[in-house]
Structures are given as C-alpha cells and as structure tokens.
Amino acid sequence: MIITITSYPGTTTKELSKLLALQAGLRYFSDAEIKKRIAVETNLPIEKIKEEEFTEKIKQIIEQEAKKMI
C-alpha cells in the first residue's frame, strides 16, 4: 500500500506522515530520500535534482520500494 500526502511547506506534513506510517505499520519514505538516491545514482548534487526532470526515475524508485513491502 502506498499513501501519498502532500501539503504546503511548513504545515507539519512530514511529522503527520511519519505518525500515520507508524500507526498503520507502514514504512515512511520521503521525497528527500528519493532525491538523495537519484543524486547518488546520477552523481549530481541534490540541488540539481528537479522532480519534473526525473519523473520516470521517481516512479521507478517508488515501485521498487512498494515491491519491498510485499
């Protein structure tokens, strides 16, 4: 199961997401983790990782993580 929560910066979305994952027995996986992984794989600084340029790679990483949960 994948639950995606989005909101405006500074609205404690990260904390809420972590609590929800903990309560539901799910793994918390943030966009920052995805960006770090792409940065390592592409040898680019994190600041250069733009979501619109790496949409397919982001989808692949999310799918890989979802398969780990099965």
PDB file of N, CA and C in Angstrom:
ATOM      1  N   MET A   1       0.839  -1.166   0.000  1.00  0.00           N
ATOM      2  CA  MET A   1       0.000   0.000   0.000  1.00  0.00           C
ATOM      3  C   MET A   1       0.887   1.232   0.000  1.00  0.00           C
ATOM      4  N   ILE A   2       0.528   2.196  -0.824  1.00  0.00           N
ATOM      5  CA  ILE A   2       1.242   3.467  -0.869  1.00  0.00           C
ATOM      6  C   ILE A   2       0.247   4.564  -0.545  1.00  0.00           C
ATOM      7  N   ILE A   3       0.578   5.386   0.431  1.00  0.00           N
ATOM      8  CA  ILE A   3      -0.227   6.543   0.781  1.00  0.00           C
ATOM      9  C   ILE A   3       0.638   7.766   0.520  1.00  0.00           C
ATOM     10  N   THR A   4       0.127   8.689  -0.263  1.00  0.00           N
ATOM     11  CA  THR A   4       0.867   9.908  -0.575  1.00  0.00           C
ATOM     12  C   THR A   4       0.176  11.077   0.097  1.00  0.00           C
ATOM     13  N   ILE A   5       0.957  11.859   0.821  1.00  0.00           N
ATOM     14  CA  ILE A   5       0.427  13.039   1.496  1.00  0.00           C
ATOM     15  C   ILE A   5       1.231  14.235   1.026  1.00  0.00           C
ATOM     16  N   THR A   6       0.526  15.244   0.543  1.00  0.00           N
ATOM     17  CA  THR A   6       1.194  16.470   0.114  1.00  0.00           C
ATOM     18  C   THR A   6       0.528  17.664   0.779  1.00  0.00           C
ATOM     19  N   SER A   7       1.293  18.725   0.931  1.00  0.00           N
ATOM     20  CA  SER A   7       0.765  19.950   1.516  1.00  0.00           C
ATOM     21  C   SER A   7       1.766  21.067   1.269  1.00  0.00           C
ATOM     22  N   TYR A   8       1.472  22.204   1.816  1.00  0.00           N
ATOM     23  CA  TYR A   8       2.358  23.349   1.686  1.00  0.00           C
ATOM     24  C   TYR A   8       3.525  23.221   2.659  1.00  0.00           C
ATOM     25  N   PRO A   9       4.675  23.790   2.312  1.00  0.00           N
ATOM     26  CA  PRO A   9       5.819  23.750   3.225  1.00  0.00           C
ATOM     27  C   PRO A   9       5.471  24.396   4.569  1.00  0.00           C
ATOM     28  N   GLY A  10       5.994  23.798   5.625  1.00  0.00           N
ATOM     29  CA  GLY A  10       5.795  24.351   6.960  1.00  0.00           C
ATOM     30  C   GLY A  10       4.493  23.953   7.628  1.00  0.00           C
ATOM     31  N   THR A  11       3.782  22.978   7.054  1.00  0.00           N
ATOM     32  CA  THR A  11       2.488  22.589   7.627  1.00  0.00           C
ATOM     33  C   THR A  11       2.569  21.250   8.355  1.00  0.00           C
ATOM     34  N   THR A  12       3.731  20.858   8.780  1.00  0.00           N
ATOM     35  CA  THR A  12       3.992  19.628   9.553  1.00  0.00           C
ATOM     36  C   THR A  12       3.552  18.354   8.832  1.00  0.00           C
ATOM     37  N   THR A  13       3.557  18.371   7.523  1.00  0.00           N
ATOM     38  CA  THR A  13       3.178  17.194   6.749  1.00  0.00           C
ATOM     39  C   THR A  13       4.110  16.027   7.037  1.00  0.00           C
ATOM     40  N   LYS A  14       5.397  16.297   7.166  1.00  0.00           N
ATOM     41  CA  LYS A  14       6.377  15.244   7.414  1.00  0.00           C
ATOM     42  C   LYS A  14       6.081  14.525   8.728  1.00  0.00           C
ATOM     43  N   GLU A  15       5.835  15.288   9.771  1.00  0.00           N
ATOM     44  CA  GLU A  15       5.547  14.698  11.076  1.00  0.00           C
ATOM     45  C   GLU A  15       4.252  13.895  11.039  1.00  0.00           C
ATOM     46  N   LEU A  16       3.228  14.450  10.412  1.00  0.00           N
ATOM     47  CA  LEU A  16       1.948  13.758  10.289  1.00  0.00           C
ATOM     48  C   LEU A  16       2.122  12.450   9.509  1.00  0.00           C
ATOM     49  N   SER A  17       2.890  12.499   8.432  1.00  0.00           N
ATOM     50  CA  SER A  17       3.120  11.307   7.608  1.00  0.00           C
ATOM     51  C   SER A  17       3.853  10.224   8.389  1.00  0.00           C
ATOM     52  N   LYS A  18       4.851  10.624   9.166  1.00  0.00           N
ATOM     53  CA  LYS A  18       5.600   9.656   9.973  1.00  0.00           C
ATOM     54  C   LYS A  18       4.698   9.001  11.010  1.00  0.00           C
ATOM     55  N   LEU A  19       3.862   9.796  11.665  1.00  0.00           N
ATOM     56  CA  LEU A  19       2.932   9.245  12.655  1.00  0.00           C
ATOM     57  C   LEU A  19       1.926   8.296  12.016  1.00  0.00           C
ATOM     58  N   LEU A  20       1.403   8.674  10.859  1.00  0.00           N
ATOM     59  CA  LEU A  20       0.454   7.820  10.156  1.00  0.00           C
ATOM     60  C   LEU A  20       1.105   6.492   9.781  1.00  0.00           C
ATOM     61  N   ALA A  21       2.318   6.555   9.251  1.00  0.00           N
ATOM     62  CA  ALA A  21       3.039   5.334   8.872  1.00  0.00           C
ATOM     63  C   ALA A  21       3.269   4.451  10.098  1.00  0.00           C
ATOM     64  N   LEU A  22       3.662   5.051  11.190  1.00  0.00           N
ATOM     65  CA  LEU A  22       3.903   4.303  12.423  1.00  0.00           C
ATOM     66  C   LEU A  22       2.623   3.619  12.914  1.00  0.00           C
ATOM     67  N   GLN A  23       1.544   4.359  12.952  1.00  0.00           N
ATOM     68  CA  GLN A  23       0.267   3.822  13.417  1.00  0.00           C
ATOM     69  C   GLN A  23      -0.272   2.724  12.505  1.00  0.00           C
ATOM     70  N   ALA A  24      -0.027   2.867  11.186  1.00  0.00           N
ATOM     71  CA  ALA A  24      -0.550   1.898  10.220  1.00  0.00           C
ATOM     72  C   ALA A  24       0.410   0.733   9.978  1.00  0.00           C
ATOM     73  N   GLY A  25       1.600   0.803  10.588  1.00  0.00           N
ATOM     74  CA  GLY A  25       2.584  -0.257  10.389  1.00  0.00           C
ATOM     75  C   GLY A  25       3.200  -0.224   9.001  1.00  0.00           C
ATOM     76  N   LEU A  26       3.303   0.985   8.435  1.00  0.00           N
ATOM     77  CA  LEU A  26       3.879   1.158   7.099  1.00  0.00           C
ATOM     78  C   LEU A  26       5.252   1.802   7.206  1.00  0.00           C
ATOM     79  N   ARG A  27       6.001   1.727   6.120  1.00  0.00           N
ATOM     80  CA  ARG A  27       7.324   2.354   6.077  1.00  0.00           C
ATOM     81  C   ARG A  27       7.179   3.788   5.590  1.00  0.00           C
ATOM     82  N   TYR A  28       7.830   4.719   6.272  1.00  0.00           N
ATOM     83  CA  TYR A  28       7.840   6.122   5.850  1.00  0.00           C
ATOM     84  C   TYR A  28       8.953   6.306   4.831  1.00  0.00           C
ATOM     85  N   PHE A  29       8.621   6.935   3.729  1.00  0.00           N
ATOM     86  CA  PHE A  29       9.590   7.150   2.658  1.00  0.00           C
ATOM     87  C   PHE A  29       9.362   8.555   2.123  1.00  0.00           C
ATOM     88  N   SER A  30      10.342   9.443   2.277  1.00  0.00           N
ATOM     89  CA  SER A  30      10.154  10.849   1.916  1.00  0.00           C
ATOM     90  C   SER A  30      10.723  11.197   0.547  1.00  0.00           C
ATOM     91  N   ASP A  31      10.314  12.341   0.059  1.00  0.00           N
ATOM     92  CA  ASP A  31      10.848  12.833  -1.205  1.00  0.00           C
ATOM     93  C   ASP A  31      12.345  13.119  -1.078  1.00  0.00           C
ATOM     94  N   ALA A  32      12.777  13.492   0.114  1.00  0.00           N
ATOM     95  CA  ALA A  32      14.205  13.746   0.324  1.00  0.00           C
ATOM     96  C   ALA A  32      15.020  12.469   0.133  1.00  0.00           C
ATOM     97  N   GLU A  33      14.487  11.327   0.588  1.00  0.00           N
ATOM     98  CA  GLU A  33      15.173  10.048   0.388  1.00  0.00           C
ATOM     99  C   GLU A  33      15.276   9.717  -1.095  1.00  0.00           C
ATOM    100  N   ILE A  34      14.210   9.988  -1.830  1.00  0.00           N
ATOM    101  CA  ILE A  34      14.209   9.721  -3.267  1.00  0.00           C
ATOM    102  C   ILE A  34      15.245  10.601  -3.957  1.00  0.00           C
ATOM    103  N   LYS A  35      15.276  11.880  -3.607  1.00  0.00           N
ATOM    104  CA  LYS A  35      16.238  12.798  -4.225  1.00  0.00           C
ATOM    105  C   LYS A  35      17.677  12.400  -3.900  1.00  0.00           C
ATOM    106  N   LYS A  36      17.934  11.978  -2.660  1.00  0.00           N
ATOM    107  CA  LYS A  36      19.278  11.536  -2.291  1.00  0.00           C
ATOM    108  C   LYS A  36      19.699  10.339  -3.128  1.00  0.00           C
ATOM    109  N   ARG A  37      18.774   9.409  -3.305  1.00  0.00           N
ATOM    110  CA  ARG A  37      19.071   8.213  -4.090  1.00  0.00           C
ATOM    111  C   ARG A  37      19.387   8.556  -5.544  1.00  0.00           C
ATOM    112  N   ILE A  38      18.597   9.453  -6.125  1.00  0.00           N
ATOM    113  CA  ILE A  38      18.843   9.876  -7.506  1.00  0.00           C
ATOM    114  C   ILE A  38      20.175  10.617  -7.597  1.00  0.00           C
ATOM    115  N   ALA A  39      20.475  11.453  -6.618  1.00  0.00           N
ATOM    116  CA  ALA A  39      21.739  12.196  -6.607  1.00  0.00           C
ATOM    117  C   ALA A  39      22.928  11.245  -6.614  1.00  0.00           C
ATOM    118  N   VAL A  40      22.846  10.199  -5.817  1.00  0.00           N
ATOM    119  CA  VAL A  40      23.932   9.216  -5.762  1.00  0.00           C
ATOM    120  C   VAL A  40      24.056   8.484  -7.100  1.00  0.00           C
ATOM    121  N   GLU A  41      22.905   8.063  -7.653  1.00  0.00           N
ATOM    122  CA  GLU A  41      22.926   7.302  -8.904  1.00  0.00           C
ATOM    123  C   GLU A  41      23.384   8.127 -10.101  1.00  0.00           C
ATOM    124  N   THR A  42      23.051   9.428 -10.105  1.00  0.00           N
ATOM    125  CA  THR A  42      23.394  10.281 -11.250  1.00  0.00           C
ATOM    126  C   THR A  42      24.651  11.107 -11.013  1.00  0.00           C
ATOM    127  N   ASN A  43      25.186  11.030  -9.797  1.00  0.00           N
ATOM    128  CA  ASN A  43      26.371  11.797  -9.427  1.00  0.00           C
ATOM    129  C   ASN A  43      26.135  13.306  -9.570  1.00  0.00           C
ATOM    130  N   LEU A  44      24.918  13.739  -9.230  1.00  0.00           N
ATOM    131  CA  LEU A  44      24.558  15.155  -9.252  1.00  0.00           C
ATOM    132  C   LEU A  44      24.310  15.633  -7.825  1.00  0.00           C
ATOM    133  N   PRO A  45      24.547  16.920  -7.565  1.00  0.00           N
ATOM    134  CA  PRO A  45      24.194  17.445  -6.241  1.00  0.00           C
ATOM    135  C   PRO A  45      22.671  17.437  -6.075  1.00  0.00           C
ATOM    136  N   ILE A  46      22.212  17.273  -4.850  1.00  0.00           N
ATOM    137  CA  ILE A  46      20.766  17.214  -4.574  1.00  0.00           C
ATOM    138  C   ILE A  46      20.049  18.449  -5.110  1.00  0.00           C
ATOM    139  N   GLU A  47      20.678  19.608  -5.048  1.00  0.00           N
ATOM    140  CA  GLU A  47      20.045  20.847  -5.509  1.00  0.00           C
ATOM    141  C   GLU A  47      19.696  20.799  -6.995  1.00  0.00           C
ATOM    142  N   LYS A  48      20.385  19.947  -7.747  1.00  0.00           N
ATOM    143  CA  LYS A  48      20.153  19.843  -9.197  1.00  0.00           C
ATOM    144  C   LYS A  48      19.048  18.839  -9.546  1.00  0.00           C
ATOM    145  N   ILE A  49      18.560  18.117  -8.551  1.00  0.00           N
ATOM    146  CA  ILE A  49      17.534  17.106  -8.806  1.00  0.00           C
ATOM    147  C   ILE A  49      16.163  17.792  -8.803  1.00  0.00           C
ATOM    148  N   LYS A  50      15.624  17.986  -9.987  1.00  0.00           N
ATOM    149  CA  LYS A  50      14.305  18.601 -10.147  1.00  0.00           C
ATOM    150  C   LYS A  50      13.304  17.509 -10.475  1.00  0.00           C
ATOM    151  N   GLU A  51      12.201  17.485  -9.738  1.00  0.00           N
ATOM    152  CA  GLU A  51      11.209  16.414  -9.892  1.00  0.00           C
ATOM    153  C   GLU A  51      10.707  16.277 -11.317  1.00  0.00           C
ATOM    154  N   GLU A  52      10.482  17.388 -12.010  1.00  0.00           N
ATOM    155  CA  GLU A  52       9.942  17.308 -13.360  1.00  0.00           C
ATOM    156  C   GLU A  52      10.931  16.670 -14.342  1.00  0.00           C
ATOM    157  N   GLU A  53      12.212  16.734 -14.055  1.00  0.00           N
ATOM    158  CA  GLU A  53      13.222  16.135 -14.928  1.00  0.00           C
ATOM    159  C   GLU A  53      13.445  14.652 -14.634  1.00  0.00           C
ATOM    160  N   PHE A  54      13.045  14.205 -13.451  1.00  0.00           N
ATOM    161  CA  PHE A  54      13.307  12.836 -13.033  1.00  0.00           C
ATOM    162  C   PHE A  54      12.027  12.062 -12.715  1.00  0.00           C
ATOM    163  N   THR A  55      10.935  12.431 -13.360  1.00  0.00           N
ATOM    164  CA  THR A  55       9.639  11.805 -13.080  1.00  0.00           C
ATOM    165  C   THR A  55       9.685  10.294 -13.223  1.00  0.00           C
ATOM    166  N   GLU A  56      10.253   9.807 -14.311  1.00  0.00           N
ATOM    167  CA  GLU A  56      10.301   8.355 -14.535  1.00  0.00           C
ATOM    168  C   GLU A  56      11.157   7.658 -13.492  1.00  0.00           C
ATOM    169  N   LYS A  57      12.283   8.254 -13.148  1.00  0.00           N
ATOM    170  CA  LYS A  57      13.164   7.668 -12.139  1.00  0.00           C
ATOM    171  C   LYS A  57      12.468   7.634 -10.777  1.00  0.00           C
ATOM    172  N   ILE A  58      11.737   8.686 -10.449  1.00  0.00           N
ATOM    173  CA  ILE A  58      10.998   8.735  -9.186  1.00  0.00           C
ATOM    174  C   ILE A  58       9.971   7.617  -9.152  1.00  0.00           C
ATOM    175  N   LYS A  59       9.238   7.427 -10.248  1.00  0.00           N
ATOM    176  CA  LYS A  59       8.247   6.348 -10.321  1.00  0.00           C
ATOM    177  C   LYS A  59       8.906   4.986 -10.127  1.00  0.00           C
ATOM    178  N   GLN A  60      10.071   4.787 -10.741  1.00  0.00           N
ATOM    179  CA  GLN A  60      10.785   3.511 -10.605  1.00  0.00           C
ATOM    180  C   GLN A  60      11.167   3.258  -9.148  1.00  0.00           C
ATOM    181  N   ILE A  61      11.681   4.267  -8.477  1.00  0.00           N
ATOM    182  CA  ILE A  61      12.099   4.117  -7.085  1.00  0.00           C
ATOM    183  C   ILE A  61      10.892   3.796  -6.199  1.00  0.00           C
ATOM    184  N   ILE A  62       9.787   4.489  -6.420  1.00  0.00           N
ATOM    185  CA  ILE A  62       8.579   4.233  -5.623  1.00  0.00           C
ATOM    186  C   ILE A  62       8.093   2.808  -5.860  1.00  0.00           C
ATOM    187  N   GLU A  63       8.107   2.358  -7.108  1.00  0.00           N
ATOM    188  CA  GLU A  63       7.698   0.984  -7.410  1.00  0.00           C
ATOM    189  C   GLU A  63       8.623  -0.028  -6.746  1.00  0.00           C
ATOM    190  N   GLN A  64       9.929   0.225  -6.761  1.00  0.00           N
ATOM    191  CA  GLN A  64      10.891  -0.671  -6.118  1.00  0.00           C
ATOM    192  C   GLN A  64      10.612  -0.755  -4.619  1.00  0.00           C
ATOM    193  N   GLU A  65      10.354   0.381  -3.999  1.00  0.00           N
ATOM    194  CA  GLU A  65      10.075   0.405  -2.562  1.00  0.00           C
ATOM    195  C   GLU A  65       8.761  -0.296  -2.238  1.00  0.00           C
ATOM    196  N   ALA A  66       7.776  -0.133  -3.098  1.00  0.00           N
ATOM    197  CA  ALA A  66       6.487  -0.802  -2.889  1.00  0.00           C
ATOM    198  C   ALA A  66       6.645  -2.308  -2.964  1.00  0.00           C
ATOM    199  N   LYS A  67       7.476  -2.790  -3.864  1.00  0.00           N
ATOM    200  CA  LYS A  67       7.704  -4.232  -4.005  1.00  0.00           C
ATOM    201  C   LYS A  67       8.401  -4.806  -2.772  1.00  0.00           C
ATOM    202  N   LYS A  68       9.227  -4.008  -2.129  1.00  0.00           N
ATOM    203  CA  LYS A  68       9.899  -4.445  -0.907  1.00  0.00           C
ATOM    204  C   LYS A  68       8.907  -4.697   0.217  1.00  0.00           C
ATOM    205  N   MET A  69       7.784  -4.004   0.162  1.00  0.00           N
ATOM    206  CA  MET A  69       6.774  -4.109   1.216  1.00  0.00           C
ATOM    207  C   MET A  69       5.954  -5.379   1.098  1.00  0.00           C
ATOM    208  N   ILE A  70       5.967  -6.011  -0.063  1.00  0.00           N
ATOM    209  CA  ILE A  70       5.138  -7.212  -0.293  1.00  0.00           C
ATOM    210  C   ILE A  70       5.771  -8.431   0.336  1.00  0.00           C
TER     211      ILE A  70
END
